[in-house]
Amino acid sequence: MSDTTQERIDELVKSSDVVLFMKGSAAFPMCGFSGRAIQILKACGVDPRTVRTVNVLDDEAIRQGIKEYSNWPTIPQLYVKGEFVGGSDIMMEMYQNGELQQVLGTPPQA
């Protein structure tokens, strides 16, 4: 894989506070895990319109490159303020124990 793909991914990761590499879009997730990631963000009080989503199905280089970038084999992948957080399972675990809200800077939902 080329360095330019890694540079593109790096720019995407740093382009917004919350970046989700997923299959599909926030409005039309193309797999259950990507859909769940969006639902978890919503549950944390994050407006999906403020999340920068990157549809890996649109770009094979990004789809493969993001796995190398994060050293994480699956999609979706969540980045907050340039830091890799995890996939949907980790997001769910962190949401349930309140960690994800802290990372995102959103107050716990009552």
Protein backbone atom coordinates (compact mmCIF):
# COMPACT_ATOMS: atom_id res chain seq x y z
CA MET A 1 0.00 0.00 0.00
CA SER A 2 1.24 3.46 -0.82
CA ASP A 3 2.33 6.16 1.57
CA THR A 4 -0.13 8.52 -0.10
CA THR A 5 -3.03 6.37 1.12
CA GLN A 6 -1.65 6.52 4.66
CA GLU A 7 -1.27 10.29 4.33
CA ARG A 8 -4.87 10.59 3.09
CA ILE A 9 -6.09 8.50 6.03
CA ASP A 10 -4.01 10.58 8.43
CA GLU A 11 -5.56 13.77 7.03
CA LEU A 12 -9.08 12.29 7.31
CA VAL A 13 -8.49 11.16 10.90
CA LYS A 14 -7.28 14.64 11.86
CA SER A 15 -9.89 16.53 9.81
CA SER A 16 -12.69 16.32 12.40
CA ASP A 17 -13.07 15.66 16.12
CA VAL A 18 -15.13 12.52 15.44
CA VAL A 19 -14.34 10.38 12.39
CA LEU A 20 -15.97 7.03 11.66
CA PHE A 21 -14.63 4.78 8.93
CA MET A 22 -17.64 2.64 8.06
CA LYS A 23 -19.49 0.77 5.34
CA GLY A 24 -22.07 3.15 3.95
CA SER A 25 -23.02 6.48 5.52
CA ALA A 26 -24.60 7.66 8.75
CA ALA A 27 -27.96 7.87 6.96
CA PHE A 28 -27.55 4.54 5.14
CA PRO A 29 -25.19 2.15 6.93
CA MET A 30 -24.33 -0.83 4.70
CA CYS A 31 -23.61 -3.32 7.49
CA GLY A 32 -24.95 -4.04 10.95
CA PHE A 33 -21.75 -3.11 12.74
CA SER A 34 -21.56 0.27 11.02
CA GLY A 35 -25.22 0.87 11.85
CA ARG A 36 -24.59 -0.04 15.47
CA ALA A 37 -21.61 2.34 15.63
CA ILE A 38 -23.86 5.21 14.49
CA GLN A 39 -26.55 4.22 17.03
CA ILE A 40 -23.96 4.17 19.84
CA LEU A 41 -22.75 7.65 18.87
CA LYS A 42 -26.37 8.87 18.85
CA ALA A 43 -26.91 7.28 22.27
CA CYS A 44 -23.89 9.24 23.51
CA GLY A 45 -25.60 12.44 22.41
CA VAL A 46 -23.48 12.96 19.29
CA ASP A 47 -25.35 14.46 16.34
CA PRO A 48 -24.60 12.11 13.41
CA ARG A 49 -24.35 15.16 11.13
CA THR A 50 -21.29 16.30 13.12
CA VAL A 51 -19.53 12.96 12.59
CA ARG A 52 -17.19 12.78 9.61
CA THR A 53 -18.01 9.42 8.05
CA VAL A 54 -15.79 7.78 5.48
CA ASN A 55 -17.47 5.12 3.35
CA VAL A 56 -14.78 2.49 2.85
CA LEU A 57 -16.88 0.84 0.14
CA ASP A 58 -16.19 3.87 -2.08
CA ASP A 59 -12.42 3.50 -1.94
CA GLU A 60 -10.60 0.16 -1.85
CA ALA A 61 -7.28 1.82 -0.96
CA ILE A 62 -8.85 3.42 2.11
CA ARG A 63 -10.70 0.21 2.97
CA GLN A 64 -7.44 -1.75 3.13
CA GLY A 65 -5.29 1.14 4.30
CA ILE A 66 -7.31 1.97 7.39
CA LYS A 67 -6.74 -1.57 8.70
CA GLU A 68 -2.99 -1.03 8.46
CA TYR A 69 -3.19 2.52 9.76
CA SER A 70 -4.87 1.42 12.99
CA ASN A 71 -3.49 -2.12 13.07
CA TRP A 72 -7.13 -3.16 13.52
CA PRO A 73 -8.66 -5.77 11.17
CA THR A 74 -12.30 -4.74 11.07
CA ILE A 75 -14.57 -1.88 10.05
CA PRO A 76 -16.11 0.31 11.46
CA GLN A 77 -13.33 2.23 13.16
CA LEU A 78 -13.91 5.26 15.36
CA TYR A 79 -11.38 8.07 15.81
CA VAL A 80 -11.86 10.88 18.31
CA LYS A 81 -9.54 13.89 18.11
CA GLY A 82 -7.09 11.91 16.00
CA GLU A 83 -6.94 8.92 18.36
CA PHE A 84 -8.14 5.43 17.42
CA VAL A 85 -10.92 4.36 19.79
CA GLY A 86 -12.03 1.01 18.37
CA GLY A 87 -14.70 -0.88 16.48
CA SER A 88 -18.37 -1.32 17.30
CA ASP A 89 -17.81 -3.93 20.05
CA ILE A 90 -15.31 -1.71 21.87
CA MET A 91 -17.60 1.29 21.33
CA MET A 92 -20.50 -0.63 22.92
CA GLU A 93 -18.38 -1.72 25.87
CA MET A 94 -17.07 1.82 26.40
CA TYR A 95 -20.60 3.25 26.04
CA GLN A 96 -21.97 0.87 28.66
CA ASN A 97 -19.33 1.80 31.23
CA GLY A 98 -19.45 5.54 30.44
CA GLU A 99 -15.94 5.77 28.96
CA LEU A 100 -17.09 6.63 25.44
CA GLN A 101 -19.06 9.63 26.67
CA GLN A 102 -15.91 10.88 28.43
CA VAL A 103 -13.80 10.41 25.28
CA LEU A 104 -16.44 12.19 23.19
CA GLY A 105 -16.94 14.89 25.80
CA THR A 106 -20.69 14.31 25.93
CA PRO A 107 -22.59 14.21 29.22
CA PRO A 108 -23.95 10.79 30.22
CA GLN A 109 -27.54 10.35 29.05
CA ALA A 110 -30.08 9.94 31.83
